[in-house]
Amino acid sequence: MSPREIVAKAWAITVKEGSIRKWGFMSAFVETLLNAKLFIFQAWLIYSYFWLQDPIGFFTIEKVLFQNLPNWLAVIIYVTFIILLIIEWLFPHMAKGAIIGLAAKSYKKEEVKGGFVLGLYNFWPIFAIHELLFLSGLTTVITLSSLSLRYGAEAGILGVGIIMSIWTLANVLEFFWIFSEEAVVIRKTGIRGAISKSFKLVISHIGHIVFLCLLLFFIFLRIIANLLMIILIPAIVMGVGVSLAFIMPKIVGYSVAVLLGIIIIFLASYFFAYLEVFRQTVWTITYIELSKLKELDVIEEDADVTK
């Protein structure tokens, strides 16, 4: 299939298969929640560092909760917050397995079902592959750079430089590992074999570089859109919360702001679901089609020869 045909087919599957979009929506929702919280914390840190000249510590949020709320309510909020963080960190890996598997089934004209099983049984290898390159994520790099500047003293700048270098290397590796998750889900390949297969496919078909650049362009749009929402959502929430705090009790104003933020994230995730499913389906179809081709280092296929 030509790149144009693959993109067209991927979009057709994205629009047609609502069950795949549900997984994309849930993944986008928890990812946006996590990124929004990370941004709010970093914005609070910057404000406290540059304007208040008193950088917040690791347990500042807990102190604020216990100082302004009944202890039982503060404990419930804190425990719920921790549980949500764990879910937001782990669930996208499960969703990715479901999206890849269901997209492959749809492409092969099979019944599109079994998303939970696909996600559950492919969770650990996908999680391991992703965490090997956890520094390829922009939010992770920002968080680690912030910690380096806060606690690294004179070596803080050097730490940021090292983190950025690793981030660059991780993104280069991620380009070559792009098919590893598809190999895990579709071919049940082990982690090491999946990474090796991905490297070989990318290098063998580097002539498709224009096509790969097109795909990376769509990924870039997804990242930019996500970053804009990560910035806008906390800004809207904080702005509404501060404004309402002047005309009603603070707890009411902040509660309304949080509720508004969740609604905005919900609506944004619906849009992100299409982008995420489309992007992942393009890679899935590409992997299936490239895997059909003869490997370039193979001259003759193995055959039983009777001597």
C-alpha atoms as a PDB file:
ATOM      1  CA  MET A   1       0.000   0.000   0.000  1.00  0.00           C
ATOM      2  CA  SER A   2       1.140   3.532  -0.701  1.00  0.00           C
ATOM      3  CA  PRO A   3       1.488   6.039   2.163  1.00  0.00           C
ATOM      4  CA  ARG A   4      -1.647   7.848   0.993  1.00  0.00           C
ATOM      5  CA  GLU A   5      -3.658   4.627   1.039  1.00  0.00           C
ATOM      6  CA  ILE A   6      -2.406   3.759   4.523  1.00  0.00           C
ATOM      7  CA  VAL A   7      -3.330   7.187   5.877  1.00  0.00           C
ATOM      8  CA  ALA A   8      -6.766   7.010   4.235  1.00  0.00           C
ATOM      9  CA  LYS A   9      -7.391   3.513   5.611  1.00  0.00           C
ATOM     10  CA  ALA A  10      -6.254   4.523   9.087  1.00  0.00           C
ATOM     11  CA  TRP A  11      -8.645   7.478   9.127  1.00  0.00           C
ATOM     12  CA  ALA A  12     -11.504   5.286   7.876  1.00  0.00           C
ATOM     13  CA  ILE A  13     -10.890   2.846  10.749  1.00  0.00           C
ATOM     14  CA  THR A  14     -10.656   5.717  13.238  1.00  0.00           C
ATOM     15  CA  VAL A  15     -14.014   7.135  12.189  1.00  0.00           C
ATOM     16  CA  LYS A  16     -15.724   3.749  11.877  1.00  0.00           C
ATOM     17  CA  GLU A  17     -14.626   1.937  15.035  1.00  0.00           C
ATOM     18  CA  GLY A  18     -16.188   3.555  18.073  1.00  0.00           C
ATOM     19  CA  SER A  19     -14.836   0.836  20.366  1.00  0.00           C
ATOM     20  CA  ILE A  20     -11.268   1.849  19.500  1.00  0.00           C
ATOM     21  CA  ARG A  21     -12.047   5.535  20.073  1.00  0.00           C
ATOM     22  CA  LYS A  22     -13.353   4.699  23.548  1.00  0.00           C
ATOM     23  CA  TRP A  23      -9.927   3.386  24.494  1.00  0.00           C
ATOM     24  CA  GLY A  24      -8.336   6.431  22.859  1.00  0.00           C
ATOM     25  CA  PHE A  25     -10.632   8.730  24.822  1.00  0.00           C
ATOM     26  CA  MET A  26      -9.912   7.094  28.179  1.00  0.00           C
ATOM     27  CA  SER A  27      -6.180   7.175  27.497  1.00  0.00           C
ATOM     28  CA  ALA A  28      -6.253  10.821  26.411  1.00  0.00           C
ATOM     29  CA  PHE A  29      -8.377  11.763  29.435  1.00  0.00           C
ATOM     30  CA  VAL A  30      -6.028  10.301  32.062  1.00  0.00           C
ATOM     31  CA  GLU A  31      -2.908  11.536  30.233  1.00  0.00           C
ATOM     32  CA  THR A  32      -4.285  15.074  30.054  1.00  0.00           C
ATOM     33  CA  LEU A  33      -5.220  14.946  33.752  1.00  0.00           C
ATOM     34  CA  LEU A  34      -1.691  13.862  34.657  1.00  0.00           C
ATOM     35  CA  ASN A  35       0.009  16.455  32.460  1.00  0.00           C
ATOM     36  CA  ALA A  36      -2.289  19.220  33.729  1.00  0.00           C
ATOM     37  CA  LYS A  37      -1.419  18.388  37.349  1.00  0.00           C
ATOM     38  CA  LEU A  38       2.298  18.352  36.543  1.00  0.00           C
ATOM     39  CA  PHE A  39       2.004  21.742  34.844  1.00  0.00           C
ATOM     40  CA  ILE A  40       0.064  23.249  37.765  1.00  0.00           C
ATOM     41  CA  PHE A  41       2.761  22.065  40.168  1.00  0.00           C
ATOM     42  CA  GLN A  42       5.544  23.491  37.984  1.00  0.00           C
ATOM     43  CA  ALA A  43       3.657  26.801  37.577  1.00  0.00           C
ATOM     44  CA  TRP A  44       3.240  26.991  41.348  1.00  0.00           C
ATOM     45  CA  LEU A  45       6.948  26.244  41.765  1.00  0.00           C
ATOM     46  CA  ILE A  46       7.982  29.000  39.330  1.00  0.00           C
ATOM     47  CA  TYR A  47       5.697  31.493  41.084  1.00  0.00           C
ATOM     48  CA  SER A  48       7.017  30.578  44.545  1.00  0.00           C
ATOM     49  CA  TYR A  49      10.635  30.591  43.346  1.00  0.00           C
ATOM     50  CA  PHE A  50      10.733  33.864  41.399  1.00  0.00           C
ATOM     51  CA  TRP A  51       7.983  35.967  43.016  1.00  0.00           C
ATOM     52  CA  LEU A  52       7.715  34.709  46.598  1.00  0.00           C
ATOM     53  CA  GLN A  53      11.437  33.833  46.893  1.00  0.00           C
ATOM     54  CA  ASP A  54      10.351  30.758  48.840  1.00  0.00           C
ATOM     55  CA  PRO A  55      10.304  27.605  46.665  1.00  0.00           C
ATOM     56  CA  ILE A  56       7.675  25.056  47.617  1.00  0.00           C
ATOM     57  CA  GLY A  57       8.800  21.616  48.794  1.00  0.00           C
ATOM     58  CA  PHE A  58       7.620  18.094  48.081  1.00  0.00           C
ATOM     59  CA  PHE A  59       4.985  18.093  50.825  1.00  0.00           C
ATOM     60  CA  THR A  60       3.650  21.624  50.468  1.00  0.00           C
ATOM     61  CA  ILE A  61       0.385  20.432  48.926  1.00  0.00           C
ATOM     62  CA  GLU A  62      -0.188  18.040  51.849  1.00  0.00           C
ATOM     63  CA  LYS A  63       0.478  20.827  54.358  1.00  0.00           C
ATOM     64  CA  VAL A  64      -1.985  23.141  52.610  1.00  0.00           C
ATOM     65  CA  LEU A  65      -4.668  20.436  52.616  1.00  0.00           C
ATOM     66  CA  PHE A  66      -4.297  19.611  56.315  1.00  0.00           C
ATOM     67  CA  GLN A  67      -4.133  23.285  57.298  1.00  0.00           C
ATOM     68  CA  ASN A  68      -7.287  24.317  55.457  1.00  0.00           C
ATOM     69  CA  LEU A  69      -9.500  21.202  55.548  1.00  0.00           C
ATOM     70  CA  PRO A  70     -10.708  18.727  58.181  1.00  0.00           C
ATOM     71  CA  ASN A  71      -8.180  15.927  58.607  1.00  0.00           C
ATOM     72  CA  TRP A  72     -10.552  13.215  57.360  1.00  0.00           C
ATOM     73  CA  LEU A  73     -11.332  15.169  54.197  1.00  0.00           C
ATOM     74  CA  ALA A  74      -7.659  15.964  53.588  1.00  0.00           C
ATOM     75  CA  VAL A  75      -6.774  12.259  53.915  1.00  0.00           C
ATOM     76  CA  ILE A  76      -9.514  11.257  51.453  1.00  0.00           C
ATOM     77  CA  ILE A  77      -8.363  13.886  48.924  1.00  0.00           C
ATOM     78  CA  TYR A  78      -4.718  12.899  49.321  1.00  0.00           C
ATOM     79  CA  VAL A  79      -5.356   9.149  48.955  1.00  0.00           C
ATOM     80  CA  THR A  80      -7.627   9.774  45.940  1.00  0.00           C
ATOM     81  CA  PHE A  81      -4.911  11.965  44.406  1.00  0.00           C
ATOM     82  CA  ILE A  82      -2.291   9.205  44.782  1.00  0.00           C
ATOM     83  CA  ILE A  83      -4.612   6.559  43.322  1.00  0.00           C
ATOM     84  CA  LEU A  84      -5.391   8.805  40.349  1.00  0.00           C
ATOM     85  CA  LEU A  85      -1.678   9.408  39.744  1.00  0.00           C
ATOM     86  CA  ILE A  86      -1.037   5.652  39.604  1.00  0.00           C
ATOM     87  CA  ILE A  87      -3.967   5.118  37.223  1.00  0.00           C
ATOM     88  CA  GLU A  88      -2.896   8.040  35.019  1.00  0.00           C
ATOM     89  CA  TRP A  89       0.634   6.647  34.852  1.00  0.00           C
ATOM     90  CA  LEU A  90      -0.266   3.015  34.095  1.00  0.00           C
ATOM     91  CA  PHE A  91      -3.541   3.042  32.163  1.00  0.00           C
ATOM     92  CA  PRO A  92      -2.252   4.569  28.865  1.00  0.00           C
ATOM     93  CA  HIS A  93       0.016   1.520  28.396  1.00  0.00           C
ATOM     94  CA  MET A  94      -2.963  -0.792  28.691  1.00  0.00           C
ATOM     95  CA  ALA A  95      -5.004   1.388  26.337  1.00  0.00           C
ATOM     96  CA  LYS A  96      -2.238   1.346  23.745  1.00  0.00           C
ATOM     97  CA  GLY A  97      -2.270  -2.447  23.624  1.00  0.00           C
ATOM     98  CA  ALA A  98      -6.047  -2.397  23.117  1.00  0.00           C
ATOM     99  CA  ILE A  99      -5.868   0.259  20.383  1.00  0.00           C
ATOM    100  CA  ILE A 100      -3.127  -1.552  18.429  1.00  0.00           C
ATOM    101  CA  GLY A 101      -4.859  -4.924  18.681  1.00  0.00           C
ATOM    102  CA  LEU A 102      -8.337  -3.667  17.781  1.00  0.00           C
ATOM    103  CA  ALA A 103      -6.985  -1.578  14.888  1.00  0.00           C
ATOM    104  CA  ALA A 104      -5.162  -4.628  13.527  1.00  0.00           C
ATOM    105  CA  LYS A 105      -8.343  -6.700  13.798  1.00  0.00           C
ATOM    106  CA  SER A 106     -10.347  -4.037  11.983  1.00  0.00           C
ATOM    107  CA  TYR A 107      -7.733  -3.813   9.228  1.00  0.00           C
ATOM    108  CA  LYS A 108      -7.785  -7.596   8.801  1.00  0.00           C
ATOM    109  CA  LYS A 109     -11.606  -7.589   8.629  1.00  0.00           C
ATOM    110  CA  GLU A 110     -11.907  -9.487  11.908  1.00  0.00           C
ATOM    111  CA  GLU A 111     -14.472  -8.852  14.625  1.00  0.00           C
ATOM    112  CA  VAL A 112     -13.358  -5.831  16.629  1.00  0.00           C
ATOM    113  CA  LYS A 113     -13.643  -7.069  20.204  1.00  0.00           C
ATOM    114  CA  GLY A 114     -11.446  -8.146  23.094  1.00  0.00           C
ATOM    115  CA  GLY A 115      -9.924  -4.753  23.868  1.00  0.00           C
ATOM    116  CA  PHE A 116      -9.642  -5.441  27.609  1.00  0.00           C
ATOM    117  CA  VAL A 117      -7.850  -8.762  27.055  1.00  0.00           C
ATOM    118  CA  LEU A 118      -5.509  -7.190  24.478  1.00  0.00           C
ATOM    119  CA  GLY A 119      -4.701  -4.352  26.828  1.00  0.00           C
ATOM    120  CA  LEU A 120      -4.240  -6.544  29.886  1.00  0.00           C
ATOM    121  CA  TYR A 121      -2.058  -9.252  28.335  1.00  0.00           C
ATOM    122  CA  ASN A 122       0.179  -6.776  26.498  1.00  0.00           C
ATOM    123  CA  PHE A 123       0.439  -4.291  29.353  1.00  0.00           C
ATOM    124  CA  TRP A 124       3.774  -5.328  30.876  1.00  0.00           C
ATOM    125  CA  PRO A 125       5.864  -5.554  27.680  1.00  0.00           C
ATOM    126  CA  ILE A 126       4.450  -2.239  26.410  1.00  0.00           C
ATOM    127  CA  PHE A 127       5.055  -0.674  29.825  1.00  0.00           C
ATOM    128  CA  ALA A 128       8.645  -1.969  29.858  1.00  0.00           C
ATOM    129  CA  ILE A 129       9.381  -0.679  26.349  1.00  0.00           C
ATOM    130  CA  HIS A 130       7.941   2.733  27.187  1.00  0.00           C
ATOM    131  CA  GLU A 131       9.741   3.043  30.502  1.00  0.00           C
ATOM    132  CA  LEU A 132      13.081   2.220  28.871  1.00  0.00           C
ATOM    133  CA  LEU A 133      12.585   5.536  27.079  1.00  0.00           C
ATOM    134  CA  PHE A 134      10.727   7.387  29.831  1.00  0.00           C
ATOM    135  CA  LEU A 135      13.030  10.385  29.375  1.00  0.00           C
ATOM    136  CA  SER A 136      11.685  10.917  25.851  1.00  0.00           C
ATOM    137  CA  GLY A 137       8.603  12.576  27.365  1.00  0.00           C
ATOM    138  CA  LEU A 138       8.639  16.366  27.557  1.00  0.00           C
ATOM    139  CA  THR A 139       6.744  16.597  30.846  1.00  0.00           C
ATOM    140  CA  THR A 140       9.192  14.147  32.448  1.00  0.00           C
ATOM    141  CA  VAL A 141      12.153  16.219  31.288  1.00  0.00           C
ATOM    142  CA  ILE A 142      10.586  19.434  32.595  1.00  0.00           C
ATOM    143  CA  THR A 143       9.933  17.835  35.983  1.00  0.00           C
ATOM    144  CA  LEU A 144      13.462  16.416  36.292  1.00  0.00           C
ATOM    145  CA  SER A 145      15.024  19.684  35.113  1.00  0.00           C
ATOM    146  CA  SER A 146      13.003  21.525  37.741  1.00  0.00           C
ATOM    147  CA  LEU A 147      14.245  19.161  40.458  1.00  0.00           C
ATOM    148  CA  SER A 148      17.829  19.590  39.231  1.00  0.00           C
ATOM    149  CA  LEU A 149      17.596  23.382  39.421  1.00  0.00           C
ATOM    150  CA  ARG A 150      15.961  23.309  42.843  1.00  0.00           C
ATOM    151  CA  TYR A 151      18.230  20.832  44.582  1.00  0.00           C
ATOM    152  CA  GLY A 152      21.342  20.661  42.396  1.00  0.00           C
ATOM    153  CA  ALA A 153      22.831  23.945  43.625  1.00  0.00           C
ATOM    154  CA  GLU A 154      25.738  24.952  41.368  1.00  0.00           C
ATOM    155  CA  ALA A 155      25.511  21.645  39.469  1.00  0.00           C
ATOM    156  CA  GLY A 156      21.847  22.270  38.609  1.00  0.00           C
ATOM    157  CA  ILE A 157      22.577  23.718  35.163  1.00  0.00           C
ATOM    158  CA  LEU A 158      24.912  20.826  34.378  1.00  0.00           C
ATOM    159  CA  GLY A 159      22.176  18.423  35.434  1.00  0.00           C
ATOM    160  CA  VAL A 160      19.707  20.075  33.062  1.00  0.00           C
ATOM    161  CA  GLY A 161      22.244  19.746  30.227  1.00  0.00           C
ATOM    162  CA  ILE A 162      22.680  16.036  30.936  1.00  0.00           C
ATOM    163  CA  ILE A 163      18.909  15.528  31.077  1.00  0.00           C
ATOM    164  CA  MET A 164      18.412  17.311  27.752  1.00  0.00           C
ATOM    165  CA  SER A 165      21.169  15.207  26.141  1.00  0.00           C
ATOM    166  CA  ILE A 166      19.513  12.003  27.339  1.00  0.00           C
ATOM    167  CA  TRP A 167      16.137  13.343  26.123  1.00  0.00           C
ATOM    168  CA  THR A 168      17.592  13.881  22.635  1.00  0.00           C
ATOM    169  CA  LEU A 169      19.101  10.391  22.567  1.00  0.00           C
ATOM    170  CA  ALA A 170      15.856   8.856  23.847  1.00  0.00           C
ATOM    171  CA  ASN A 171      13.857  10.505  21.077  1.00  0.00           C
ATOM    172  CA  VAL A 172      16.281   9.208  18.446  1.00  0.00           C
ATOM    173  CA  LEU A 173      15.916   5.705  19.857  1.00  0.00           C
ATOM    174  CA  GLU A 174      12.145   6.110  20.016  1.00  0.00           C
ATOM    175  CA  PHE A 175      12.142   6.749  16.268  1.00  0.00           C
ATOM    176  CA  PHE A 176      13.817   3.384  15.667  1.00  0.00           C
ATOM    177  CA  TRP A 177      11.618   1.640  18.256  1.00  0.00           C
ATOM    178  CA  ILE A 178       8.420   2.915  16.651  1.00  0.00           C
ATOM    179  CA  PHE A 179       7.191  -0.571  15.646  1.00  0.00           C
ATOM    180  CA  SER A 180       8.191  -2.402  18.826  1.00  0.00           C
ATOM    181  CA  GLU A 181       4.774  -2.130  20.465  1.00  0.00           C
ATOM    182  CA  GLU A 182       3.056  -3.383  17.305  1.00  0.00           C
ATOM    183  CA  ALA A 183       5.408  -6.383  17.245  1.00  0.00           C
ATOM    184  CA  VAL A 184       4.490  -7.164  20.857  1.00  0.00           C
ATOM    185  CA  VAL A 185       0.727  -6.985  20.289  1.00  0.00           C
ATOM    186  CA  ILE A 186       0.370  -8.402  16.769  1.00  0.00           C
ATOM    187  CA  ARG A 187       3.158 -11.013  16.690  1.00  0.00           C
ATOM    188  CA  LYS A 188       3.486 -11.710  20.438  1.00  0.00           C
ATOM    189  CA  THR A 189       7.192 -10.951  20.155  1.00  0.00           C
ATOM    190  CA  GLY A 190       9.275 -10.530  23.301  1.00  0.00           C
ATOM    191  CA  ILE A 191      10.594  -7.116  24.317  1.00  0.00           C
ATOM    192  CA  ARG A 192      14.106  -7.673  22.995  1.00  0.00           C
ATOM    193  CA  GLY A 193      12.867  -9.235  19.766  1.00  0.00           C
ATOM    194  CA  ALA A 194      10.290  -6.471  19.264  1.00  0.00           C
ATOM    195  CA  ILE A 195      12.916  -3.748  19.576  1.00  0.00           C
ATOM    196  CA  SER A 196      15.249  -5.611  17.207  1.00  0.00           C
ATOM    197  CA  LYS A 197      12.444  -6.124  14.676  1.00  0.00           C
ATOM    198  CA  SER A 198      11.531  -2.450  14.830  1.00  0.00           C
ATOM    199  CA  PHE A 199      15.141  -1.378  14.241  1.00  0.00           C
ATOM    200  CA  LYS A 200      15.386  -3.677  11.250  1.00  0.00           C
ATOM    201  CA  LEU A 201      12.108  -2.517   9.697  1.00  0.00           C
ATOM    202  CA  VAL A 202      12.988   1.164  10.016  1.00  0.00           C
ATOM    203  CA  ILE A 203      16.510   0.732   8.637  1.00  0.00           C
ATOM    204  CA  SER A 204      15.400  -1.619   5.847  1.00  0.00           C
ATOM    205  CA  HIS A 205      12.685   0.739   4.649  1.00  0.00           C
ATOM    206  CA  ILE A 206      14.381   4.068   5.256  1.00  0.00           C
ATOM    207  CA  GLY A 207      13.371   4.915   1.692  1.00  0.00           C
ATOM    208  CA  HIS A 208       9.907   5.543   3.125  1.00  0.00           C
ATOM    209  CA  ILE A 209      11.403   8.539   4.937  1.00  0.00           C
ATOM    210  CA  VAL A 210       8.892  10.934   3.388  1.00  0.00           C
ATOM    211  CA  PHE A 211       6.103   8.777   4.695  1.00  0.00           C
ATOM    212  CA  LEU A 212       7.701   8.570   8.138  1.00  0.00           C
ATOM    213  CA  CYS A 213       8.145  12.343   8.187  1.00  0.00           C
ATOM    214  CA  LEU A 214       4.462  12.706   7.391  1.00  0.00           C
ATOM    215  CA  LEU A 215       3.613  10.493  10.328  1.00  0.00           C
ATOM    216  CA  LEU A 216       5.966  12.414  12.584  1.00  0.00           C
ATOM    217  CA  PHE A 217       4.229  15.587  11.452  1.00  0.00           C
ATOM    218  CA  PHE A 218       0.924  14.227  12.747  1.00  0.00           C
ATOM    219  CA  ILE A 219       2.632  13.260  15.997  1.00  0.00           C
ATOM    220  CA  PHE A 220       4.000  16.782  16.224  1.00  0.00           C
ATOM    221  CA  LEU A 221       0.498  18.206  15.828  1.00  0.00           C
ATOM    222  CA  ARG A 222      -0.730  15.899  18.594  1.00  0.00           C
ATOM    223  CA  ILE A 223       2.064  17.033  20.915  1.00  0.00           C
ATOM    224  CA  ILE A 224       1.484  20.721  20.173  1.00  0.00           C
ATOM    225  CA  ALA A 225      -2.263  20.396  20.696  1.00  0.00           C
ATOM    226  CA  ASN A 226      -1.672  18.534  23.948  1.00  0.00           C
ATOM    227  CA  LEU A 227       0.809  21.114  25.199  1.00  0.00           C
ATOM    228  CA  LEU A 228      -1.607  23.936  24.418  1.00  0.00           C
ATOM    229  CA  MET A 229      -4.359  22.217  26.380  1.00  0.00           C
ATOM    230  CA  ILE A 230      -1.979  21.458  29.262  1.00  0.00           C
ATOM    231  CA  ILE A 231      -1.224  25.186  29.482  1.00  0.00           C
ATOM    232  CA  LEU A 232      -4.741  26.495  28.833  1.00  0.00           C
ATOM    233  CA  ILE A 233      -6.654  24.180  31.153  1.00  0.00           C
ATOM    234  CA  PRO A 234      -4.704  24.999  34.347  1.00  0.00           C
ATOM    235  CA  ALA A 235      -4.691  28.706  33.385  1.00  0.00           C
ATOM    236  CA  ILE A 236      -8.485  28.703  33.024  1.00  0.00           C
ATOM    237  CA  VAL A 237      -8.950  26.713  36.233  1.00  0.00           C
ATOM    238  CA  MET A 238      -6.661  28.964  38.286  1.00  0.00           C
ATOM    239  CA  GLY A 239      -8.137  32.126  36.778  1.00  0.00           C
ATOM    240  CA  VAL A 240     -11.708  31.078  37.508  1.00  0.00           C
ATOM    241  CA  GLY A 241     -10.773  29.848  40.981  1.00  0.00           C
ATOM    242  CA  VAL A 242      -9.067  33.113  41.964  1.00  0.00           C
ATOM    243  CA  SER A 243     -11.902  35.210  40.516  1.00  0.00           C
ATOM    244  CA  LEU A 244     -14.651  33.256  42.282  1.00  0.00           C
ATOM    245  CA  ALA A 245     -12.706  33.362  45.566  1.00  0.00           C
ATOM    246  CA  PHE A 246     -13.382  37.118  45.707  1.00  0.00           C
ATOM    247  CA  ILE A 247     -17.178  36.763  45.512  1.00  0.00           C
ATOM    248  CA  MET A 248     -17.826  33.464  47.360  1.00  0.00           C
ATOM    249  CA  PRO A 249     -16.169  31.184  49.925  1.00  0.00           C
ATOM    250  CA  LYS A 250     -12.790  29.944  48.718  1.00  0.00           C
ATOM    251  CA  ILE A 251     -13.694  26.277  48.966  1.00  0.00           C
ATOM    252  CA  VAL A 252     -16.760  26.853  46.762  1.00  0.00           C
ATOM    253  CA  GLY A 253     -14.842  28.927  44.226  1.00  0.00           C
ATOM    254  CA  TYR A 254     -12.038  26.410  43.915  1.00  0.00           C
ATOM    255  CA  SER A 255     -14.498  23.516  43.688  1.00  0.00           C
ATOM    256  CA  VAL A 256     -16.311  25.219  40.786  1.00  0.00           C
ATOM    257  CA  ALA A 257     -12.969  25.859  39.079  1.00  0.00           C
ATOM    258  CA  VAL A 258     -11.904  22.209  39.430  1.00  0.00           C
ATOM    259  CA  LEU A 259     -15.261  21.029  38.072  1.00  0.00           C
ATOM    260  CA  LEU A 260     -14.898  23.385  35.105  1.00  0.00           C
ATOM    261  CA  GLY A 261     -11.376  22.075  34.492  1.00  0.00           C
ATOM    262  CA  ILE A 262     -12.598  18.456  34.438  1.00  0.00           C
ATOM    263  CA  ILE A 263     -15.323  19.359  31.925  1.00  0.00           C
ATOM    264  CA  ILE A 264     -12.767  21.068  29.668  1.00  0.00           C
ATOM    265  CA  ILE A 265     -10.416  18.083  29.908  1.00  0.00           C
ATOM    266  CA  PHE A 266     -13.338  15.789  29.073  1.00  0.00           C
ATOM    267  CA  LEU A 267     -14.145  17.755  25.911  1.00  0.00           C
ATOM    268  CA  ALA A 268     -10.478  18.052  24.909  1.00  0.00           C
ATOM    269  CA  SER A 269      -9.989  14.299  25.378  1.00  0.00           C
ATOM    270  CA  TYR A 270     -12.799  13.597  22.916  1.00  0.00           C
ATOM    271  CA  PHE A 271     -10.799  15.491  20.283  1.00  0.00           C
ATOM    272  CA  PHE A 272      -7.502  13.899  21.320  1.00  0.00           C
ATOM    273  CA  ALA A 273      -9.058  10.424  21.016  1.00  0.00           C
ATOM    274  CA  TYR A 274      -9.391  10.830  17.250  1.00  0.00           C
ATOM    275  CA  LEU A 275      -5.796  12.025  16.906  1.00  0.00           C
ATOM    276  CA  GLU A 276      -4.366   9.287  19.119  1.00  0.00           C
ATOM    277  CA  VAL A 277      -6.309   6.440  17.488  1.00  0.00           C
ATOM    278  CA  PHE A 278      -5.508   7.751  13.997  1.00  0.00           C
ATOM    279  CA  ARG A 279      -1.789   8.098  14.756  1.00  0.00           C
ATOM    280  CA  GLN A 280      -1.550   4.657  16.308  1.00  0.00           C
ATOM    281  CA  THR A 281      -3.597   3.023  13.540  1.00  0.00           C
ATOM    282  CA  VAL A 282      -1.281   4.469  10.890  1.00  0.00           C
ATOM    283  CA  TRP A 283       1.711   2.870  12.605  1.00  0.00           C
ATOM    284  CA  THR A 284      -0.184  -0.412  13.049  1.00  0.00           C
ATOM    285  CA  ILE A 285      -1.121  -0.679   9.379  1.00  0.00           C
ATOM    286  CA  THR A 286       2.396   0.332   8.359  1.00  0.00           C
ATOM    287  CA  TYR A 287       3.871  -2.412  10.527  1.00  0.00           C
ATOM    288  CA  ILE A 288       1.524  -5.035   9.062  1.00  0.00           C
ATOM    289  CA  GLU A 289       2.312  -4.005   5.492  1.00  0.00           C
ATOM    290  CA  LEU A 290       6.093  -3.748   5.965  1.00  0.00           C
ATOM    291  CA  SER A 291       6.173  -7.120   7.726  1.00  0.00           C
ATOM    292  CA  LYS A 292       4.759  -8.733   4.585  1.00  0.00           C
ATOM    293  CA  LEU A 293       7.800  -7.674   2.579  1.00  0.00           C
ATOM    294  CA  LYS A 294      10.864  -9.856   2.234  1.00  0.00           C
ATOM    295  CA  GLU A 295      13.656  -8.842   4.588  1.00  0.00           C
ATOM    296  CA  LEU A 296      16.539  -7.214   2.734  1.00  0.00           C
ATOM    297  CA  ASP A 297      19.239  -9.359   4.354  1.00  0.00           C
ATOM    298  CA  VAL A 298      17.517 -12.597   3.295  1.00  0.00           C
ATOM    299  CA  ILE A 299      18.584 -13.971  -0.102  1.00  0.00           C
ATOM    300  CA  GLU A 300      16.692 -17.243   0.043  1.00  0.00           C
ATOM    301  CA  GLU A 301      13.997 -18.313   2.445  1.00  0.00           C
ATOM    302  CA  ASP A 302      14.635 -21.387   4.576  1.00  0.00           C
ATOM    303  CA  ALA A 303      13.328 -24.582   2.976  1.00  0.00           C
ATOM    304  CA  ASP A 304      13.463 -28.272   3.731  1.00  0.00           C
ATOM    305  CA  VAL A 305      16.058 -29.781   1.404  1.00  0.00           C
ATOM    306  CA  THR A 306      16.539 -33.535   1.233  1.00  0.00           C
ATOM    307  CA  LYS A 307      20.089 -34.521   0.486  1.00  0.00           C
END
